[in-house]
Amino acid sequence: MKRSAFKMKLKPGFEDEYKKRHDEIWPELSRKLAEAGVSDYSIFLDPETLILFAVQKLADDHTTDRLPDDPLIRQWWDHIADIIETHPDRSPVCIPLTEVFHAD
């Protein structure tokens, strides 16, 4: 199991909407992520910068590299593209972060 972290950027004025959409996350999306080996997934918001910080655990045999080709994932990206920064294909701009410290 490894931890993975990345950041995204929320568009101004969409703090409540972003939380609402994630409070109502589609059950089939949660299952899809679990099937790909994602667990213990959290997203935090820095309200001053609108930076979203995500951290998740990935199983040793995770298949997250296949998720961008999945129609359900693409549907979710379409669902949130109006409130976060995205690439031209509507995928979220995710910037990987390097772990520099961890303590259990």
C-alpha atoms as a PDB file:
ATOM      1  CA  MET A   1       0.000   0.000   0.000  1.00  0.00           C
ATOM      2  CA  LYS A   2       1.306   3.441  -0.841  1.00  0.00           C
ATOM      3  CA  ARG A   3       0.003   6.942  -0.212  1.00  0.00           C
ATOM      4  CA  SER A   4      -0.550   9.311  -3.097  1.00  0.00           C
ATOM      5  CA  ALA A   5      -1.217  13.041  -2.848  1.00  0.00           C
ATOM      6  CA  PHE A   6      -2.017  15.714  -5.402  1.00  0.00           C
ATOM      7  CA  LYS A   7      -3.492  19.176  -5.617  1.00  0.00           C
ATOM      8  CA  MET A   8      -6.174  20.740  -7.768  1.00  0.00           C
ATOM      9  CA  LYS A   9      -7.619  24.240  -7.980  1.00  0.00           C
ATOM     10  CA  LEU A  10     -11.220  25.198  -7.272  1.00  0.00           C
ATOM     11  CA  LYS A  11     -12.767  28.082  -9.195  1.00  0.00           C
ATOM     12  CA  PRO A  12     -13.768  31.081  -7.023  1.00  0.00           C
ATOM     13  CA  GLY A  13     -17.232  30.986  -5.507  1.00  0.00           C
ATOM     14  CA  PHE A  14     -17.739  27.228  -5.794  1.00  0.00           C
ATOM     15  CA  GLU A  15     -16.657  26.084  -2.334  1.00  0.00           C
ATOM     16  CA  ASP A  16     -20.144  25.046  -1.232  1.00  0.00           C
ATOM     17  CA  GLU A  17     -21.012  23.474  -4.587  1.00  0.00           C
ATOM     18  CA  TYR A  18     -17.818  21.389  -4.626  1.00  0.00           C
ATOM     19  CA  LYS A  19     -18.603  20.054  -1.161  1.00  0.00           C
ATOM     20  CA  LYS A  20     -22.235  19.379  -2.131  1.00  0.00           C
ATOM     21  CA  ARG A  21     -21.263  17.389  -5.214  1.00  0.00           C
ATOM     22  CA  HIS A  22     -18.840  15.284  -3.195  1.00  0.00           C
ATOM     23  CA  ASP A  23     -21.360  14.807  -0.377  1.00  0.00           C
ATOM     24  CA  GLU A  24     -23.581  13.330  -3.086  1.00  0.00           C
ATOM     25  CA  ILE A  25     -20.845  11.283  -4.780  1.00  0.00           C
ATOM     26  CA  TRP A  26     -22.276   8.590  -6.998  1.00  0.00           C
ATOM     27  CA  PRO A  27     -22.139   5.144  -5.345  1.00  0.00           C
ATOM     28  CA  GLU A  28     -20.979   3.596  -8.602  1.00  0.00           C
ATOM     29  CA  LEU A  29     -18.054   6.053  -8.695  1.00  0.00           C
ATOM     30  CA  SER A  30     -17.040   5.082  -5.166  1.00  0.00           C
ATOM     31  CA  ARG A  31     -17.156   1.423  -6.205  1.00  0.00           C
ATOM     32  CA  LYS A  32     -15.109   2.131  -9.340  1.00  0.00           C
ATOM     33  CA  LEU A  33     -12.376   3.814  -7.292  1.00  0.00           C
ATOM     34  CA  ALA A  34     -12.324   0.960  -4.765  1.00  0.00           C
ATOM     35  CA  GLU A  35     -12.102  -1.598  -7.585  1.00  0.00           C
ATOM     36  CA  ALA A  36      -9.100   0.316  -8.950  1.00  0.00           C
ATOM     37  CA  GLY A  37      -7.370   0.009  -5.572  1.00  0.00           C
ATOM     38  CA  VAL A  38      -8.111   3.446  -4.107  1.00  0.00           C
ATOM     39  CA  SER A  39      -8.950   3.660  -0.407  1.00  0.00           C
ATOM     40  CA  ASP A  40      -8.859   6.149   2.458  1.00  0.00           C
ATOM     41  CA  TYR A  41      -9.400   9.004  -0.020  1.00  0.00           C
ATOM     42  CA  SER A  42      -9.747  12.534   1.371  1.00  0.00           C
ATOM     43  CA  ILE A  43      -9.833  15.972  -0.220  1.00  0.00           C
ATOM     44  CA  PHE A  44      -9.126  19.121   1.792  1.00  0.00           C
ATOM     45  CA  LEU A  45      -9.728  22.741   0.790  1.00  0.00           C
ATOM     46  CA  ASP A  46      -7.516  25.720   1.606  1.00  0.00           C
ATOM     47  CA  PRO A  47     -10.132  28.507   1.500  1.00  0.00           C
ATOM     48  CA  GLU A  48      -7.502  31.248   1.147  1.00  0.00           C
ATOM     49  CA  THR A  49      -5.988  29.854  -2.059  1.00  0.00           C
ATOM     50  CA  LEU A  50      -8.817  27.558  -3.249  1.00  0.00           C
ATOM     51  CA  ILE A  51      -6.256  24.767  -3.515  1.00  0.00           C
ATOM     52  CA  LEU A  52      -7.755  21.299  -3.117  1.00  0.00           C
ATOM     53  CA  PHE A  53      -5.348  18.838  -1.493  1.00  0.00           C
ATOM     54  CA  ALA A  54      -6.139  15.175  -2.074  1.00  0.00           C
ATOM     55  CA  VAL A  55      -4.577  12.174  -0.386  1.00  0.00           C
ATOM     56  CA  GLN A  56      -5.399   8.529  -0.951  1.00  0.00           C
ATOM     57  CA  LYS A  57      -4.014   5.082  -0.382  1.00  0.00           C
ATOM     58  CA  LEU A  58      -3.298   2.913  -3.402  1.00  0.00           C
ATOM     59  CA  ALA A  59      -3.150  -0.870  -3.269  1.00  0.00           C
ATOM     60  CA  ASP A  60       0.089  -2.421  -4.490  1.00  0.00           C
ATOM     61  CA  ASP A  61      -1.784  -3.784  -7.508  1.00  0.00           C
ATOM     62  CA  HIS A  62      -3.844  -0.631  -8.157  1.00  0.00           C
ATOM     63  CA  THR A  63      -5.093   0.107 -11.654  1.00  0.00           C
ATOM     64  CA  THR A  64      -5.620   3.865 -11.355  1.00  0.00           C
ATOM     65  CA  ASP A  65      -3.705   4.421 -14.588  1.00  0.00           C
ATOM     66  CA  ARG A  66      -6.730   2.946 -16.417  1.00  0.00           C
ATOM     67  CA  LEU A  67      -9.305   5.242 -14.793  1.00  0.00           C
ATOM     68  CA  PRO A  68      -9.000   8.121 -17.316  1.00  0.00           C
ATOM     69  CA  ASP A  69     -10.322   5.794 -20.032  1.00  0.00           C
ATOM     70  CA  ASP A  70     -13.390   4.773 -18.041  1.00  0.00           C
ATOM     71  CA  PRO A  71     -16.711   6.321 -19.197  1.00  0.00           C
ATOM     72  CA  LEU A  72     -17.920   6.771 -15.608  1.00  0.00           C
ATOM     73  CA  ILE A  73     -14.785   8.700 -14.663  1.00  0.00           C
ATOM     74  CA  ARG A  74     -15.190  10.888 -17.737  1.00  0.00           C
ATOM     75  CA  GLN A  75     -18.822  11.512 -16.765  1.00  0.00           C
ATOM     76  CA  TRP A  76     -17.679  12.633 -13.290  1.00  0.00           C
ATOM     77  CA  TRP A  77     -15.105  14.935 -14.863  1.00  0.00           C
ATOM     78  CA  ASP A  78     -17.866  16.491 -16.966  1.00  0.00           C
ATOM     79  CA  HIS A  79     -19.938  16.858 -13.791  1.00  0.00           C
ATOM     80  CA  ILE A  80     -17.252  18.892 -11.998  1.00  0.00           C
ATOM     81  CA  ALA A  81     -15.541  20.638 -14.935  1.00  0.00           C
ATOM     82  CA  ASP A  82     -17.466  23.856 -14.360  1.00  0.00           C
ATOM     83  CA  ILE A  83     -16.113  24.312 -10.828  1.00  0.00           C
ATOM     84  CA  ILE A  84     -12.439  23.242 -10.963  1.00  0.00           C
ATOM     85  CA  GLU A  85      -9.517  23.933 -13.269  1.00  0.00           C
ATOM     86  CA  THR A  86      -9.372  21.358 -16.068  1.00  0.00           C
ATOM     87  CA  HIS A  87      -7.400  20.389 -19.127  1.00  0.00           C
ATOM     88  CA  PRO A  88      -9.013  20.773 -22.581  1.00  0.00           C
ATOM     89  CA  ASP A  89     -10.334  17.177 -22.311  1.00  0.00           C
ATOM     90  CA  ARG A  90     -12.129  18.223 -19.071  1.00  0.00           C
ATOM     91  CA  SER A  91      -9.866  16.102 -16.867  1.00  0.00           C
ATOM     92  CA  PRO A  92      -8.927  17.889 -13.630  1.00  0.00           C
ATOM     93  CA  VAL A  93      -5.556  19.575 -13.498  1.00  0.00           C
ATOM     94  CA  CYS A  94      -3.910  17.379 -10.855  1.00  0.00           C
ATOM     95  CA  ILE A  95      -0.416  18.199  -9.711  1.00  0.00           C
ATOM     96  CA  PRO A  96       1.318  15.302  -7.930  1.00  0.00           C
ATOM     97  CA  LEU A  97       2.904  16.076  -4.577  1.00  0.00           C
ATOM     98  CA  THR A  98       6.040  14.500  -3.158  1.00  0.00           C
ATOM     99  CA  GLU A  99       5.887  13.054   0.335  1.00  0.00           C
ATOM    100  CA  VAL A 100       8.647  14.525   2.468  1.00  0.00           C
ATOM    101  CA  PHE A 101       7.568  13.242   5.881  1.00  0.00           C
ATOM    102  CA  HIS A 102       5.299  10.617   7.377  1.00  0.00           C
ATOM    103  CA  ALA A 103       4.734   9.317  10.876  1.00  0.00           C
ATOM    104  CA  ASP A 104       2.309   6.594  11.975  1.00  0.00           C
END
